[in-house]
Protein backbone atom coordinates (compact mmCIF):
# COMPACT_ATOMS: atom_id res chain seq x y z
CA MET A 1 1.01 -0.85 -2.48
CA PRO A 2 -2.04 1.36 -3.18
CA PHE A 3 -3.66 3.20 0.15
CA GLN A 4 -5.80 5.29 1.27
CA PRO A 5 -3.24 8.32 2.21
CA SER A 6 -3.07 10.33 4.97
CA PHE A 7 -6.24 12.04 3.61
CA ARG A 8 -9.53 10.63 4.39
CA LEU A 9 -13.89 10.41 4.37
CA ALA A 10 -15.18 13.45 6.11
CA ALA A 11 -18.56 13.39 5.76
CA THR A 12 -18.89 9.73 8.16
CA SER A 13 -19.82 12.01 11.53
CA THR A 14 -22.20 9.17 12.11
CA VAL A 15 -19.64 6.12 11.87
CA ALA A 16 -16.98 8.55 13.60
CA LEU A 17 -19.51 8.28 16.46
CA GLY A 18 -20.31 5.29 16.66
CA ILE A 19 -16.25 3.91 17.07
CA LEU A 20 -16.22 6.60 19.82
CA THR A 21 -18.79 5.61 21.86
CA THR A 22 -17.00 1.67 21.12
CA LEU A 23 -14.00 3.08 21.70
CA LEU A 24 -14.87 4.74 25.27
CA THR A 25 -16.47 0.99 25.98
CA THR A 26 -13.72 -1.93 24.90
CA GLY A 27 -10.97 -2.39 26.70
CA CYS A 28 -11.36 -0.01 29.73
CA GLY A 29 -14.29 0.01 31.54
CA GLN A 30 -14.99 2.20 34.19
CA ARG A 31 -11.23 2.65 34.64
CA GLY A 32 -9.81 5.46 32.39
CA THR A 33 -9.96 5.80 28.61
CA PRO A 34 -8.25 2.72 26.45
CA VAL A 35 -4.92 3.77 26.22
CA ALA A 36 -4.99 4.20 29.96
CA ALA A 37 -5.81 0.63 30.11
CA GLY A 38 -4.00 -0.50 27.19
CA ASN A 39 -0.10 1.07 28.57
CA ARG A 40 -1.32 -1.36 31.89
CA ASP A 41 -2.70 -3.99 29.83
CA GLN A 42 0.19 -3.76 26.63
CA VAL A 43 -2.92 -3.24 24.21
CA ILE A 44 -2.35 -0.71 21.78
CA HIS A 45 -5.30 0.97 20.18
CA ILE A 46 -4.17 2.17 16.43
CA GLY A 47 -6.21 4.43 13.74
CA ASN A 48 -5.97 2.18 10.42
CA LEU A 49 -7.93 5.06 8.26
CA THR A 50 -11.00 2.23 7.08
CA GLU A 51 -12.40 -0.65 6.89
CA PRO A 52 -10.49 -3.09 5.70
CA THR A 53 -11.72 -5.13 1.97
CA ASP A 54 -10.85 -8.57 3.19
CA LEU A 55 -7.78 -9.73 5.39
CA ASP A 56 -6.95 -12.17 2.52
CA PRO A 57 -3.32 -11.85 1.88
CA HIS A 58 -3.95 -12.25 -1.68
CA VAL A 59 -6.63 -9.88 -2.45
CA ILE A 60 -6.20 -7.23 0.03
CA SER A 61 -5.89 -3.81 -1.50
CA SER A 62 -4.27 -0.80 0.90
CA GLN A 63 -1.28 0.12 3.04
CA GLN A 64 -4.13 -0.34 5.74
CA ASP A 65 -5.41 -3.41 5.25
CA ALA A 66 -1.41 -4.83 5.09
CA GLN A 67 -0.76 -3.24 8.48
CA ILE A 68 -3.39 -5.44 9.85
CA THR A 69 -2.36 -8.76 7.50
CA MET A 70 1.12 -8.32 9.35
CA ALA A 71 0.14 -9.09 12.02
CA LEU A 72 -1.22 -12.19 11.22
CA PHE A 73 0.95 -13.83 8.94
CA GLU A 74 5.22 -13.80 8.53
CA GLY A 75 6.98 -14.74 5.23
CA LEU A 76 10.30 -15.62 4.63
CA ALA A 77 11.32 -12.46 5.37
CA GLN A 78 9.84 -9.62 7.42
CA TYR A 79 11.34 -5.32 7.26
CA ASP A 80 13.00 -3.84 9.77
CA PRO A 81 11.19 -1.98 11.58
CA LYS A 82 13.89 1.11 11.47
CA ASP A 83 15.28 0.67 8.12
CA SER A 84 13.37 -1.09 5.93
CA THR A 85 15.67 -4.23 5.35
CA PRO A 86 14.97 -7.18 5.03
CA VAL A 87 15.37 -9.95 8.01
CA PRO A 88 15.16 -13.17 8.87
CA ALA A 89 11.17 -14.53 9.82
CA VAL A 90 9.84 -17.83 8.54
CA ALA A 91 13.04 -18.49 6.94
CA GLU A 92 16.27 -18.17 9.69
CA ARG A 93 18.71 -18.22 6.69
CA TRP A 94 18.85 -18.38 3.00
CA GLU A 95 21.36 -18.10 0.42
CA HIS A 96 21.61 -17.64 -3.52
CA SER A 97 23.53 -19.85 -6.37
CA THR A 98 26.46 -18.09 -8.19
CA ASP A 99 24.14 -17.10 -11.32
CA GLY A 100 21.45 -15.44 -8.81
CA LEU A 101 18.66 -17.65 -10.34
CA THR A 102 18.28 -19.85 -7.38
CA TRP A 103 17.60 -19.22 -4.05
CA THR A 104 17.66 -21.24 -0.97
CA PHE A 105 15.18 -20.53 2.30
CA HIS A 106 16.12 -22.28 5.12
CA LEU A 107 12.79 -22.33 7.46
CA ARG A 108 12.49 -22.35 11.18
CA ARG A 109 11.66 -25.76 12.62
CA ASN A 110 9.65 -24.90 15.42
CA ALA A 111 7.44 -22.30 13.26
CA LYS A 112 3.90 -22.95 13.61
CA TRP A 113 0.45 -21.84 12.82
CA SER A 114 -2.11 -20.24 15.05
CA ASN A 115 -4.13 -23.99 15.68
CA GLY A 116 -0.66 -25.33 16.32
CA ASP A 117 0.34 -27.25 12.85
CA PRO A 118 3.83 -26.89 11.61
CA VAL A 119 4.51 -24.02 9.48
CA THR A 120 6.23 -26.00 6.10
CA ALA A 121 7.53 -24.65 2.61
CA HIS A 122 4.94 -26.59 1.05
CA ASP A 123 2.64 -24.08 2.75
CA PHE A 124 4.80 -21.82 0.66
CA VAL A 125 4.38 -23.42 -2.00
CA PHE A 126 0.62 -23.63 -2.20
CA ALA A 127 -0.08 -19.99 -1.38
CA TYR A 128 2.46 -19.36 -4.59
CA GLN A 129 0.35 -21.21 -7.02
CA ARG A 130 -3.10 -19.94 -5.60
CA MET A 131 -1.73 -16.42 -6.16
CA LEU A 132 -1.18 -17.67 -9.90
CA THR A 133 -4.31 -18.81 -10.33
CA PRO A 134 -6.32 -16.89 -13.47
CA SER A 135 -9.26 -16.94 -11.17
CA LEU A 136 -8.47 -15.38 -8.32
CA ALA A 137 -7.41 -12.24 -10.89
CA ALA A 138 -5.09 -11.30 -7.97
CA GLU A 139 -4.19 -7.77 -7.75
CA TYR A 140 -0.71 -8.89 -6.70
CA ALA A 141 0.24 -11.47 -8.58
CA SER A 142 2.19 -9.75 -11.24
CA MET A 143 4.51 -9.62 -8.35
CA LEU A 144 5.26 -12.65 -8.46
CA TYR A 145 6.45 -13.24 -11.55
CA VAL A 146 10.22 -12.94 -10.82
CA LEU A 147 9.43 -16.62 -10.78
CA LYS A 148 10.03 -19.18 -13.28
CA ASN A 149 6.87 -19.90 -15.17
CA ALA A 150 4.40 -17.31 -12.87
CA GLN A 151 3.81 -15.23 -15.80
CA PRO A 152 2.30 -17.57 -18.24
CA LEU A 153 0.63 -19.47 -14.97
CA ASN A 154 -1.30 -16.32 -14.63
CA GLY A 155 -2.15 -15.33 -17.72
CA GLY A 156 -3.55 -19.56 -17.91
CA LYS A 157 -0.77 -20.08 -21.46
CA LEU A 158 0.52 -23.50 -18.96
CA ALA A 159 -1.79 -25.18 -16.11
CA ASP A 160 1.03 -27.15 -14.81
CA VAL A 161 1.55 -25.36 -11.38
CA THR A 162 4.54 -28.05 -10.76
CA GLN A 163 6.27 -25.96 -13.36
CA LEU A 164 6.86 -22.87 -11.38
CA GLY A 165 9.95 -21.57 -9.95
CA ALA A 166 8.93 -22.91 -6.01
CA ARG A 167 8.84 -26.23 -4.34
CA ALA A 168 9.70 -27.76 -1.39
CA ALA A 169 13.07 -29.45 -0.83
CA ASP A 170 11.64 -31.07 2.10
CA ASP A 171 9.78 -29.66 4.82
CA HIS A 172 11.78 -26.60 5.86
CA THR A 173 14.14 -26.09 2.31
CA LEU A 174 11.93 -23.63 -0.02
CA VAL A 175 14.02 -23.40 -3.14
CA LEU A 176 12.86 -20.42 -5.79
CA THR A 177 14.11 -20.14 -8.67
CA THR A 178 13.90 -17.11 -10.71
CA GLU A 179 13.08 -15.84 -14.18
CA TYR A 180 16.47 -13.76 -13.86
CA PRO A 181 18.24 -12.30 -11.39
CA VAL A 182 16.38 -10.81 -8.09
CA PRO A 183 19.29 -9.39 -6.06
CA TYR A 184 16.31 -7.63 -3.80
CA LEU A 185 14.00 -10.89 -3.91
CA PRO A 186 14.73 -10.62 0.18
CA SER A 187 13.06 -7.18 -0.30
CA MET A 188 10.23 -8.66 -1.66
CA VAL A 189 9.28 -11.47 0.37
CA CYS A 190 8.01 -9.51 3.09
CA HIS A 191 5.56 -8.30 1.20
CA ALA A 192 1.73 -10.20 2.08
CA ALA A 193 1.99 -11.48 -1.60
CA TRP A 194 4.64 -14.09 -0.80
CA TYR A 195 2.52 -15.22 2.68
CA PRO A 196 2.17 -18.83 3.15
CA LEU A 197 -1.24 -20.17 3.28
CA HIS A 198 -3.20 -22.71 5.63
CA ARG A 199 -4.11 -24.76 2.89
CA PRO A 200 -7.00 -26.96 5.22
CA THR A 201 -8.37 -23.69 6.20
CA LEU A 202 -8.92 -22.64 2.88
CA GLU A 203 -10.34 -26.32 2.11
CA LYS A 204 -13.30 -25.77 4.82
CA TYR A 205 -14.27 -22.95 4.06
CA ALA A 206 -14.20 -21.48 0.74
CA GLY A 207 -12.26 -23.49 -1.48
CA LEU A 208 -8.81 -22.43 -3.11
CA THR A 209 -10.05 -18.88 -5.34
CA GLN A 210 -13.22 -17.56 -3.24
CA ARG A 211 -12.60 -14.13 -2.29
CA GLY A 212 -14.26 -12.46 0.69
CA SER A 213 -14.79 -16.57 2.40
CA ALA A 214 -15.42 -17.34 5.77
CA TRP A 215 -12.36 -18.12 6.47
CA THR A 216 -10.85 -14.85 7.45
CA ARG A 217 -13.61 -13.98 9.94
CA PRO A 218 -12.59 -14.85 13.51
CA GLY A 219 -12.86 -18.37 14.89
CA ASN A 220 -12.44 -19.24 11.54
CA HIS A 221 -8.91 -17.50 10.65
CA VAL A 222 -5.20 -19.23 10.41
CA GLY A 223 -2.60 -17.73 10.15
CA ASN A 224 1.28 -17.76 11.09
CA GLY A 225 1.96 -14.39 12.85
CA TYR A 226 2.18 -12.41 16.37
CA PHE A 227 -1.31 -12.31 16.72
CA VAL A 228 -4.40 -14.37 15.96
CA LEU A 229 -7.75 -13.43 14.82
CA THR A 230 -10.17 -12.64 17.86
CA GLU A 231 -13.27 -10.27 16.55
CA TRP A 232 -14.01 -8.30 13.59
CA LYS A 233 -16.82 -5.44 14.25
CA PRO A 234 -17.26 -4.04 10.98
CA HIS A 235 -17.26 -0.03 10.86
CA GLN A 236 -15.94 -0.41 14.28
CA PHE A 237 -12.27 -2.37 14.77
CA ILE A 238 -10.53 -5.21 14.55
CA ARG A 239 -9.08 -6.76 17.56
CA VAL A 240 -6.12 -9.32 17.17
CA THR A 241 -4.70 -10.58 20.68
CA LYS A 242 -1.06 -12.51 21.00
CA ASN A 243 -0.44 -16.19 18.94
CA PRO A 244 0.80 -18.72 21.77
CA HIS A 245 2.17 -20.91 19.31
CA TYR A 246 4.37 -17.90 17.27
CA TRP A 247 7.41 -19.29 17.28
CA ASP A 248 9.07 -16.11 19.20
CA ARG A 249 6.61 -15.49 20.86
CA ASP A 250 8.08 -14.55 24.20
CA ALA A 251 9.64 -11.88 21.62
CA VAL A 252 5.99 -10.41 21.76
CA LYS A 253 5.54 -7.98 24.59
CA LEU A 254 2.11 -7.03 23.36
CA THR A 255 -0.82 -8.71 24.43
CA ALA A 256 -3.23 -7.28 22.25
CA ALA A 257 -4.07 -4.59 19.18
CA VAL A 258 -7.18 -2.56 18.67
CA PHE A 259 -7.43 -1.07 14.81
CA TYR A 260 -9.66 1.13 13.63
CA PRO A 261 -11.15 2.48 10.99
CA ILE A 262 -12.31 6.23 11.42
CA GLU A 263 -12.62 7.28 8.46
CA SER A 264 -12.63 11.59 9.67
CA GLU A 265 -9.21 12.58 9.97
CA ASP A 266 -11.04 15.30 12.77
CA ALA A 267 -12.73 12.91 13.84
CA GLU A 268 -9.57 10.74 14.67
CA GLU A 269 -7.53 13.75 16.01
CA ARG A 270 -10.28 14.05 18.44
CA THR A 271 -10.17 10.62 19.67
CA PHE A 272 -6.63 10.76 20.02
CA ARG A 273 -7.26 14.00 22.78
CA ALA A 274 -9.07 12.51 24.15
CA GLY A 275 -7.38 9.58 25.63
CA GLN A 276 -8.66 7.15 22.80
CA LEU A 277 -5.72 6.28 20.72
CA HIS A 278 -1.84 5.23 20.62
CA THR A 279 -1.66 6.15 17.42
CA THR A 280 -3.18 8.05 14.21
CA SER A 281 -2.68 7.37 10.68
CA THR A 282 -2.96 11.04 9.34
CA LEU A 283 -3.37 14.49 10.72
CA PRO A 284 -5.70 17.23 9.29
CA ILE A 285 -3.64 19.76 6.98
CA SER A 286 -5.39 22.38 9.18
CA LYS A 287 -3.65 21.24 12.33
CA ILE A 288 -0.17 20.23 10.77
CA ALA A 289 1.38 23.92 11.48
CA VAL A 290 -0.26 23.83 15.08
CA TYR A 291 1.25 20.77 16.40
CA ARG A 292 4.74 21.50 14.93
CA GLN A 293 4.94 25.04 15.73
CA GLU A 294 3.56 23.59 19.27
CA LYS A 295 6.89 21.32 19.06
CA SER A 296 3.95 18.49 20.43
CA PRO A 297 6.00 15.33 22.08
CA PHE A 298 2.82 14.10 20.11
CA PHE A 299 3.44 15.13 16.83
CA GLU A 300 5.59 12.83 14.25
CA PRO A 301 6.70 13.72 10.10
CA HIS A 302 8.44 11.53 8.12
CA VAL A 303 9.71 10.88 4.76
CA PHE A 304 8.55 7.35 3.22
CA LEU A 305 8.65 5.82 -0.43
CA ALA A 306 4.94 7.15 -1.89
CA THR A 307 3.51 8.78 -5.16
CA PHE A 308 0.05 10.41 -4.94
CA PHE A 309 -1.22 10.78 -8.94
CA LEU A 310 -4.13 10.86 -11.04
CA ARG A 311 -4.90 8.14 -13.31
CA PHE A 312 -6.89 8.87 -16.50
CA ASN A 313 -8.70 5.94 -17.96
CA VAL A 314 -7.25 5.55 -21.23
CA GLU A 315 -10.16 3.69 -22.77
CA LYS A 316 -12.46 6.85 -21.94
CA PRO A 317 -12.66 9.40 -24.09
CA PRO A 318 -10.53 12.37 -25.29
CA LEU A 319 -8.24 10.68 -22.74
CA ASN A 320 -7.28 8.29 -24.98
CA ASP A 321 -5.60 10.66 -27.17
CA ALA A 322 -1.70 11.15 -25.11
CA ARG A 323 -2.05 14.73 -26.31
CA VAL A 324 -5.01 15.46 -23.88
CA ARG A 325 -3.45 13.08 -20.64
CA ARG A 326 0.04 15.42 -21.16
CA ALA A 327 -2.18 18.28 -21.14
CA LEU A 328 -3.45 17.92 -18.36
CA SER A 329 -0.48 16.96 -16.91
CA LEU A 330 1.45 19.86 -17.95
CA ALA A 331 -1.29 22.53 -16.49
CA ILE A 332 -0.99 21.59 -13.03
CA ASP A 333 1.11 24.15 -10.70
CA ARG A 334 2.34 21.57 -8.50
CA GLU A 335 4.61 23.52 -6.64
CA ARG A 336 0.95 25.36 -5.57
CA PHE A 337 -0.03 21.83 -4.27
CA VAL A 338 2.51 21.42 -1.76
CA ARG A 339 2.78 25.09 -0.89
CA ASP A 340 -0.41 26.48 -0.47
CA VAL A 341 -2.66 23.65 -0.47
CA LEU A 342 -0.83 20.11 1.30
CA ARG A 343 1.68 22.27 3.50
CA GLY A 344 2.90 19.59 5.49
CA GLY A 345 6.48 18.95 3.82
CA GLN A 346 5.72 17.18 0.69
CA LEU A 347 8.01 17.70 -2.61
CA PRO A 348 5.98 18.19 -6.73
CA ALA A 349 6.18 15.02 -8.14
CA GLY A 350 8.22 16.34 -12.12
CA HIS A 351 8.13 11.59 -11.94
CA LEU A 352 6.64 8.59 -10.94
CA THR A 353 9.59 7.09 -8.37
CA PRO A 354 10.74 8.96 -5.60
CA PRO A 355 13.70 10.76 -5.19
CA ASP A 356 16.76 8.79 -4.28
CA THR A 357 14.62 5.39 -4.22
CA ALA A 358 17.78 3.06 -3.72
CA GLY A 359 19.90 5.40 -5.12
CA PHE A 360 17.42 6.13 -8.41
CA ASN A 361 16.89 9.65 -9.38
CA ALA A 362 14.46 10.11 -12.83
CA ARG A 363 15.38 12.57 -14.99
CA THR A 364 12.13 13.23 -16.28
CA LYS A 365 11.49 16.48 -14.62
CA LEU A 366 7.34 17.37 -15.83
CA ALA A 367 6.53 20.81 -14.80
CA HIS A 368 3.93 23.55 -15.12
CA ASP A 369 3.95 24.28 -18.86
CA LEU A 370 1.22 26.09 -19.41
CA PRO A 371 1.30 27.02 -22.83
CA THR A 372 3.40 23.85 -24.04
CA ALA A 373 -0.15 22.12 -22.25
CA GLN A 374 -2.63 24.97 -24.11
CA LYS A 375 -0.47 23.76 -27.86
CA LEU A 376 -1.76 19.81 -27.26
CA LEU A 377 -4.80 20.78 -26.11
CA ALA A 378 -5.56 22.46 -29.12
CA GLU A 379 -3.45 19.82 -31.53
CA ALA A 380 -5.95 17.56 -30.26
CA GLY A 381 -8.83 19.11 -32.09
CA PHE A 382 -10.11 21.80 -28.20
CA PRO A 383 -8.79 25.34 -29.05
CA GLY A 384 -9.76 27.02 -25.81
CA GLY A 385 -10.78 24.07 -24.56
CA LYS A 386 -13.80 24.44 -27.39
CA GLY A 387 -15.81 21.49 -27.96
CA PHE A 388 -14.69 19.50 -24.87
CA PRO A 389 -16.97 16.93 -23.10
CA LYS A 390 -17.02 17.45 -18.76
CA LEU A 391 -14.75 15.04 -17.25
CA GLU A 392 -15.72 13.39 -13.65
CA PHE A 393 -12.75 13.28 -11.29
CA LEU A 394 -13.19 10.85 -8.59
CA TYR A 395 -11.67 11.15 -5.57
CA ASN A 396 -12.56 9.44 -2.10
CA SER A 397 -13.84 12.82 0.39
CA THR A 398 -11.07 14.08 2.94
CA GLU A 399 -10.16 17.46 4.21
CA ALA A 400 -6.66 17.50 1.04
CA ASN A 401 -8.64 15.23 -1.57
CA ARG A 402 -11.26 17.70 -1.85
CA LEU A 403 -8.59 19.87 -1.61
CA ILE A 404 -6.61 18.83 -4.21
CA ALA A 405 -10.07 18.33 -6.73
CA GLU A 406 -10.75 21.76 -6.54
CA ALA A 407 -7.70 23.38 -7.30
CA LEU A 408 -7.25 21.06 -10.29
CA GLN A 409 -10.87 22.50 -11.18
CA GLN A 410 -9.27 25.74 -11.40
CA MET A 411 -6.47 24.96 -12.64
CA TRP A 412 -8.30 23.36 -16.07
CA ASN A 413 -11.13 25.93 -16.27
CA LYS A 414 -8.64 28.89 -16.04
CA GLY A 415 -5.81 27.51 -17.73
CA LEU A 416 -6.54 24.98 -20.60
CA GLY A 417 -11.21 26.58 -20.67
CA ILE A 418 -11.93 23.15 -19.65
CA ASP A 419 -14.32 21.81 -16.88
CA ILE A 420 -14.45 19.42 -14.71
CA THR A 421 -16.72 17.07 -11.88
CA MET A 422 -16.15 16.23 -8.54
CA GLN A 423 -17.55 12.88 -7.30
CA ASN A 424 -16.82 11.34 -4.31
CA GLN A 425 -16.81 7.67 -3.09
CA GLU A 426 -16.17 5.98 0.07
CA ALA A 427 -13.00 4.44 -0.04
CA ARG A 428 -13.32 0.75 -0.96
CA VAL A 429 -16.49 1.67 -3.03
CA GLN A 430 -13.38 4.30 -5.13
CA THR A 431 -11.69 1.21 -5.42
CA VAL A 432 -14.10 -1.08 -7.27
CA SER A 433 -14.92 1.83 -9.35
CA MET A 434 -11.70 2.41 -10.80
CA ARG A 435 -10.91 -1.27 -11.25
CA SER A 436 -14.14 -1.99 -12.82
CA GLY A 437 -12.64 0.96 -15.27
CA ASP A 438 -16.08 3.19 -13.99
CA TYR A 439 -14.46 6.40 -13.78
CA GLN A 440 -12.09 9.13 -16.02
CA ILE A 441 -9.82 10.95 -13.68
CA GLY A 442 -8.90 9.35 -10.17
CA ARG A 443 -6.58 10.13 -7.32
CA PHE A 444 -4.41 7.40 -6.36
CA ALA A 445 -0.87 6.83 -4.31
CA TRP A 446 1.40 4.21 -4.12
CA ILE A 447 3.63 3.16 -1.42
CA GLY A 448 6.76 1.36 -2.57
CA ASP A 449 6.27 -2.36 -1.44
CA TYR A 450 10.39 -2.58 -1.21
CA LEU A 451 13.12 -0.72 -1.93
CA ASP A 452 13.72 -1.13 -5.49
CA PRO A 453 12.43 1.75 -8.07
CA SER A 454 11.02 -2.11 -10.03
CA THR A 455 8.47 -1.93 -7.35
CA PHE A 456 7.11 1.61 -8.52
CA LEU A 457 7.75 1.34 -12.50
CA GLU A 458 6.36 -2.06 -12.18
CA LEU A 459 3.08 -0.29 -11.17
CA MET A 460 2.30 0.78 -15.53
CA THR A 461 2.70 -3.04 -17.29
CA GLY A 462 0.49 -4.32 -18.78
CA ASP A 463 0.41 -7.00 -16.90
CA SER A 464 0.52 -4.81 -13.82
CA GLY A 465 -3.16 -6.13 -11.79
CA ASN A 466 -2.79 -2.57 -10.29
CA ASN A 467 -2.10 -0.67 -14.03
CA LEU A 468 -6.07 0.58 -13.35
CA THR A 469 -4.83 2.52 -16.85
CA ARG A 470 -6.21 0.70 -19.18
CA TRP A 471 -2.92 1.68 -20.55
CA ARG A 472 -0.42 -0.50 -22.22
CA HIS A 473 2.69 -0.01 -24.11
CA ALA A 474 5.00 -2.43 -25.95
CA ASP A 475 8.12 -0.27 -25.60
CA TYR A 476 7.24 0.78 -22.12
CA ASP A 477 6.92 -3.43 -21.19
CA ARG A 478 10.38 -4.19 -23.47
CA ILE A 479 12.49 -1.95 -21.44
CA TYR A 480 11.13 -2.67 -18.44
CA ALA A 481 11.64 -6.50 -18.75
CA GLU A 482 15.17 -5.66 -20.14
CA ALA A 483 15.87 -3.78 -16.70
CA ASN A 484 14.74 -6.91 -14.99
CA ARG A 485 17.31 -9.11 -16.98
CA THR A 486 19.77 -6.45 -16.41
CA ALA A 487 22.58 -7.44 -13.69
CA ASP A 488 24.47 -4.14 -13.69
CA ASN A 489 23.41 -1.60 -12.30
CA ALA A 490 23.72 1.33 -13.84
CA GLN A 491 22.70 0.11 -17.17
CA ARG A 492 19.64 -1.29 -15.10
CA TYR A 493 18.81 2.15 -14.11
CA GLU A 494 19.39 3.88 -17.40
CA LEU A 495 16.83 1.53 -18.38
CA TYR A 496 14.26 3.03 -15.72
CA GLN A 497 15.02 6.40 -16.99
CA ARG A 498 13.91 4.98 -20.57
CA CYS A 499 10.48 4.07 -18.62
CA GLU A 500 10.35 7.35 -16.58
CA GLU A 501 10.46 9.53 -19.97
CA ILE A 502 7.66 7.20 -21.78
CA ILE A 503 5.49 7.62 -18.82
CA ALA A 504 6.05 11.65 -19.38
CA ALA A 505 5.50 11.63 -22.76
CA GLU A 506 2.37 9.11 -23.16
CA SER A 507 0.83 10.65 -19.14
CA PRO A 508 -1.17 7.70 -18.19
CA ILE A 509 -0.84 9.56 -15.05
CA ALA A 510 -0.27 12.58 -13.87
CA PRO A 511 2.63 12.50 -11.21
CA ILE A 512 1.50 15.53 -8.36
CA TYR A 513 3.55 14.77 -5.12
CA PHE A 514 6.07 12.81 -3.65
CA TYR A 515 4.58 12.25 0.40
CA THR A 516 5.65 13.18 4.14
CA ARG A 517 4.10 11.36 6.53
CA ASN A 518 2.37 13.13 9.56
CA ASN A 519 0.46 11.02 12.02
CA LEU A 520 -0.15 11.36 15.84
CA ARG A 521 2.07 8.98 18.18
CA ARG A 522 2.19 9.10 22.25
CA PRO A 523 5.40 8.86 23.67
CA GLU A 524 4.64 5.10 25.59
CA VAL A 525 4.60 3.74 22.87
CA LYS A 526 7.98 2.23 22.12
CA GLY A 527 9.48 0.19 18.85
CA TRP A 528 7.82 2.10 16.20
CA TYR A 529 9.86 3.87 13.93
CA GLY A 530 8.76 6.05 10.49
CA ASN A 531 10.16 4.18 8.02
CA LEU A 532 10.53 4.98 4.69
CA LEU A 533 7.94 2.07 3.36
CA ASP A 534 5.50 2.77 6.27
CA ASN A 535 5.70 -0.51 7.64
CA HIS A 536 5.48 -0.72 11.44
CA PRO A 537 6.18 -4.37 12.74
CA LEU A 538 4.25 -5.23 16.45
CA LYS A 539 6.68 -7.77 17.43
CA GLY A 540 8.87 -5.20 18.40
CA VAL A 541 6.12 -2.87 20.16
CA TYR A 542 5.05 -2.58 23.42
CA LEU A 543 3.87 0.08 25.90
CA ASP A 544 6.11 2.14 28.09
CA PRO A 545 3.75 3.83 31.32
CA ALA A 546 6.08 5.52 32.69
CA ALA A 547 6.52 7.68 29.13
CA ALA A 548 3.70 8.67 28.68
CA ALA A 549 3.04 12.74 28.11
CA LYS A 550 2.10 14.32 31.19
């Protein structure tokens, strides 16, 4: 899933100040800080990076959006908070046919929507049909292409939605038919793209394919998760409270959760220290070494399944030339980035898929190779950078992103003799710019949606709604499709190796580093674990005031 990584907009002091004021007055009154009051009342306060693009599971666009929707919706399965493996949720159990093409999910009879209506298999079928409706243009529609006839439905080549490989055998039995064996399907259905939707609510407020509609607002929103949406003050906070109709409500210990879009990493850290937050989304680069050296009880680093890379818009000359793109990639000193710029335990990325993703390790190793980069640029008609047009690098301005942009500027100027300009946009605006194709080079990051290399390699297929490079490669798509139809895991992984080789040769992206998450969390927060997918289901989270740091 795309996300705004642990680096955020620094030039939002006014907004940050407004949020600080809100934090001081929300949920605590004169009785202390929000954290103290939250510990007493089981209300957790979470720094969540950015203002959500939406709370519609089919159109959300970042990890931060997903953290909120995860509290409001529940799929067939959910991620285990410790290791991100799938565990039963709305489906209490499932099985598949001998050939691996038919999966049967048995739904809980006591699962309900937040308005008291029963959750049925029909709700899942409706949601999948809506997700694949071409006019919705859902970025994650391709995630459902594993279902029979999903791709032609989404591409407008098939109009009969009843032909989709998803049917309700009865109210509590969902049958999914796949195009090929998908042994990791239980992990896939944990993702927001597979959540059910309450059809009467969508029809009441928006119809089926309208984005940004009133059904996602407090008072209108109907979900089936642990919490219900009770308050949303844009650019200040989102409050969710315990859902009395949730099927396993006794297991939910928190009474509420409040998410804050604090887009300045420094402001978020100060807010945490002031007792306003239980956990942050990130930590300023300049503070990592201090917290580590002090062995702070709040500091929580962990590796997670994510890659930071540059996107090249291949429709914009000279980036339509693979030699130019590869030259730009090979001129990047990835070792320097992680050693001198980031300094947070990141690893240099020589390929797209993070190391040891479900046992897959790409053999392709992009490295700093300035002579080859210079040779490729000369072959493309720009010897020593002569005649090369100015390029624009689009990023959301945070400490890290600014430093990365400046380092790239220096590397490309010194090594290739070319200039780039830097354009900083608020995170949501940057997303819009990239989706519309209004960029040349843009920073991006991707967190795995499930534990399999396909969650990264699918990103570069021609039909992926998240492939914003405009790059299409027939051999890549063919090999990726062949891999997905290969039952033998060793053979499948060998085909994925060829996909990584094509990405390296064509360079529609330039991987730079693999992430380490560095954030702050108070010791009284229990049931919250660092995990590979950086998912934190709040169902098992609770606050233990006795564990608070003195």
